[in-house]
N, C-alpha and C. Protein backbone atom coordinates (compact mmCIF):
# COMPACT_ATOMS: atom_id res chain seq x y z
N MET A 1 -66.08 -39.43 -225.56
CA MET A 1 -65.41 -40.78 -225.69
C MET A 1 -66.07 -41.60 -224.59
N SER A 2 -66.88 -40.87 -223.65
CA SER A 2 -67.59 -41.71 -222.71
C SER A 2 -68.42 -42.89 -223.08
N PRO A 3 -69.11 -42.67 -224.07
CA PRO A 3 -69.97 -43.82 -224.65
C PRO A 3 -69.17 -45.02 -225.09
N PHE A 4 -68.06 -44.81 -225.73
CA PHE A 4 -67.04 -45.83 -226.27
C PHE A 4 -66.26 -46.37 -225.12
N ALA A 5 -65.83 -45.71 -224.13
CA ALA A 5 -65.19 -46.22 -223.00
C ALA A 5 -65.85 -46.95 -222.17
N ALA A 6 -67.29 -46.72 -222.05
CA ALA A 6 -68.18 -47.42 -221.10
C ALA A 6 -68.34 -48.97 -221.60
N ASN A 7 -68.09 -49.22 -222.90
CA ASN A 7 -68.28 -50.66 -223.21
C ASN A 7 -66.95 -51.32 -223.25
N LEU A 8 -65.93 -50.69 -222.77
CA LEU A 8 -64.62 -51.38 -222.74
C LEU A 8 -64.60 -52.28 -221.46
N SER A 9 -63.89 -53.56 -221.76
CA SER A 9 -63.68 -54.55 -220.52
C SER A 9 -62.45 -54.03 -219.89
N ASN A 10 -62.16 -54.52 -218.69
CA ASN A 10 -60.94 -54.29 -217.84
C ASN A 10 -59.70 -54.61 -218.67
N ARG A 11 -59.85 -55.85 -219.50
CA ARG A 11 -58.80 -56.39 -220.37
C ARG A 11 -58.58 -55.22 -221.29
N ASP A 12 -59.55 -54.84 -221.99
CA ASP A 12 -59.53 -53.73 -223.06
C ASP A 12 -58.76 -52.46 -222.57
N MET A 13 -59.13 -52.04 -221.40
CA MET A 13 -58.49 -50.84 -220.82
C MET A 13 -57.11 -51.12 -220.41
N ASN A 14 -56.72 -52.31 -219.80
CA ASN A 14 -55.35 -52.53 -219.48
C ASN A 14 -54.50 -52.70 -220.90
N ASP A 15 -55.05 -53.33 -221.95
CA ASP A 15 -54.41 -53.39 -223.27
C ASP A 15 -54.08 -51.94 -223.85
N ILE A 16 -55.10 -51.05 -223.67
CA ILE A 16 -54.91 -49.60 -224.06
C ILE A 16 -53.74 -48.98 -223.39
N ALA A 17 -53.83 -49.10 -222.08
CA ALA A 17 -52.87 -48.60 -221.16
C ALA A 17 -51.44 -49.12 -221.49
N VAL A 18 -51.33 -50.52 -221.78
CA VAL A 18 -49.98 -51.09 -222.04
C VAL A 18 -49.46 -50.36 -223.58
N TYR A 19 -50.47 -50.33 -224.38
CA TYR A 19 -49.93 -49.59 -225.67
C TYR A 19 -49.61 -48.36 -225.57
N PHE A 20 -50.13 -47.38 -224.80
CA PHE A 20 -49.73 -45.97 -224.65
C PHE A 20 -48.63 -45.94 -223.84
N ALA A 21 -48.36 -46.78 -222.82
CA ALA A 21 -47.12 -46.75 -221.98
C ALA A 21 -45.80 -47.17 -222.96
N SER A 22 -46.04 -47.87 -223.87
CA SER A 22 -44.99 -48.47 -224.62
C SER A 22 -44.57 -47.47 -225.77
N ILE A 23 -45.30 -46.46 -226.11
CA ILE A 23 -44.89 -45.42 -227.12
C ILE A 23 -43.76 -44.61 -226.48
N LYS A 24 -42.98 -44.38 -227.40
CA LYS A 24 -41.56 -43.69 -227.08
C LYS A 24 -41.83 -42.23 -227.12
N ARG A 25 -41.56 -41.34 -226.20
CA ARG A 25 -41.84 -39.89 -226.23
C ARG A 25 -40.76 -39.35 -227.28
N LEU A 26 -41.23 -38.41 -228.09
CA LEU A 26 -40.55 -37.62 -229.05
C LEU A 26 -39.64 -36.65 -228.36
N SER A 27 -39.96 -36.12 -227.22
CA SER A 27 -39.12 -35.17 -226.46
C SER A 27 -39.44 -35.19 -225.10
N GLN A 28 -38.54 -34.86 -224.38
CA GLN A 28 -38.65 -34.78 -222.92
C GLN A 28 -39.05 -33.31 -222.38
N HIS A 29 -40.06 -33.38 -221.73
CA HIS A 29 -40.45 -32.00 -221.30
C HIS A 29 -39.76 -31.57 -220.02
N VAL A 30 -39.28 -30.21 -220.02
CA VAL A 30 -38.50 -29.80 -219.05
C VAL A 30 -39.36 -28.49 -218.49
N THR A 31 -39.86 -28.53 -217.12
CA THR A 31 -40.56 -27.45 -216.59
C THR A 31 -39.66 -26.34 -216.33
N GLN A 32 -40.02 -25.08 -216.63
CA GLN A 32 -39.04 -23.83 -216.45
C GLN A 32 -39.07 -23.67 -215.03
N PRO A 33 -38.04 -23.01 -214.48
CA PRO A 33 -37.97 -22.86 -213.08
C PRO A 33 -39.13 -21.71 -212.64
N VAL A 34 -39.42 -20.76 -213.35
CA VAL A 34 -40.29 -19.92 -213.17
C VAL A 34 -41.75 -20.53 -212.84
N ASN A 35 -41.96 -21.58 -213.57
CA ASN A 35 -43.32 -22.22 -213.44
C ASN A 35 -43.30 -23.03 -212.15
N LEU A 36 -42.16 -23.61 -211.70
CA LEU A 36 -42.09 -24.35 -210.53
C LEU A 36 -42.44 -23.43 -209.25
N VAL A 37 -42.05 -22.14 -209.36
CA VAL A 37 -42.27 -21.26 -208.32
C VAL A 37 -43.71 -20.72 -208.34
N LEU A 38 -44.22 -20.40 -209.52
CA LEU A 38 -45.57 -19.78 -209.69
C LEU A 38 -46.63 -20.79 -209.52
N GLY A 39 -46.50 -22.18 -209.91
CA GLY A 39 -47.53 -23.06 -210.09
C GLY A 39 -48.32 -23.36 -208.96
N PRO A 40 -47.94 -23.58 -207.62
CA PRO A 40 -48.60 -23.66 -206.45
C PRO A 40 -49.55 -22.65 -206.24
N GLU A 41 -49.07 -21.22 -206.42
CA GLU A 41 -49.94 -20.11 -206.18
C GLU A 41 -51.07 -19.93 -207.19
N LEU A 42 -50.79 -20.29 -208.45
CA LEU A 42 -51.63 -20.42 -209.52
C LEU A 42 -52.81 -21.25 -209.06
N ALA A 43 -52.36 -22.68 -208.90
CA ALA A 43 -53.36 -23.70 -208.55
C ALA A 43 -54.31 -23.22 -207.45
N LYS A 44 -53.79 -22.60 -206.28
CA LYS A 44 -54.45 -22.22 -205.16
C LYS A 44 -55.61 -21.16 -205.42
N ASN A 45 -55.00 -20.22 -206.31
CA ASN A 45 -55.99 -19.05 -206.76
C ASN A 45 -57.09 -19.62 -207.74
N THR A 46 -56.88 -20.81 -208.51
CA THR A 46 -57.75 -21.35 -209.51
C THR A 46 -58.74 -22.08 -208.73
N ILE A 47 -58.16 -22.77 -207.71
CA ILE A 47 -59.32 -23.77 -206.98
C ILE A 47 -60.27 -22.84 -206.21
N ALA A 48 -59.46 -21.61 -205.47
CA ALA A 48 -60.42 -20.73 -204.78
C ALA A 48 -61.46 -20.21 -205.60
N ARG A 49 -61.13 -19.85 -206.71
CA ARG A 49 -62.36 -19.27 -207.54
C ARG A 49 -63.34 -20.19 -208.17
N ASN A 50 -63.05 -21.54 -208.00
CA ASN A 50 -64.10 -22.54 -208.61
C ASN A 50 -64.97 -23.10 -207.43
N VAL A 51 -64.73 -22.75 -206.33
CA VAL A 51 -65.42 -23.18 -205.00
C VAL A 51 -66.83 -22.56 -205.12
N ILE A 52 -67.80 -23.32 -204.91
CA ILE A 52 -69.14 -22.79 -204.86
C ILE A 52 -69.48 -22.37 -203.17
N ASP A 53 -70.01 -21.04 -203.18
CA ASP A 53 -70.33 -20.53 -202.00
C ASP A 53 -71.61 -21.12 -201.56
N MET A 54 -71.74 -21.85 -200.59
CA MET A 54 -73.05 -22.51 -200.23
C MET A 54 -73.86 -21.70 -199.18
N ASN A 55 -73.35 -20.40 -198.87
CA ASN A 55 -74.14 -19.59 -197.89
C ASN A 55 -75.16 -18.77 -198.64
C-alpha cells in the first residue's frame, strides 16, 4: 500500500480517516482478564528477543 499512500495529499488522508472513524463497529471487543495479566510480560519478552546485540 506504500506506493498508493505516497501519492495521497493531507486532505486525502484526513478524508480517509474521517471515513473509517465514521464506520460503526459490528461488535465491541472485550479483553479477557487473563490477557490483561499476561500482556505486559508477553510484550516484554517479545521486545527483548527482537533486540539486536551490537557487541
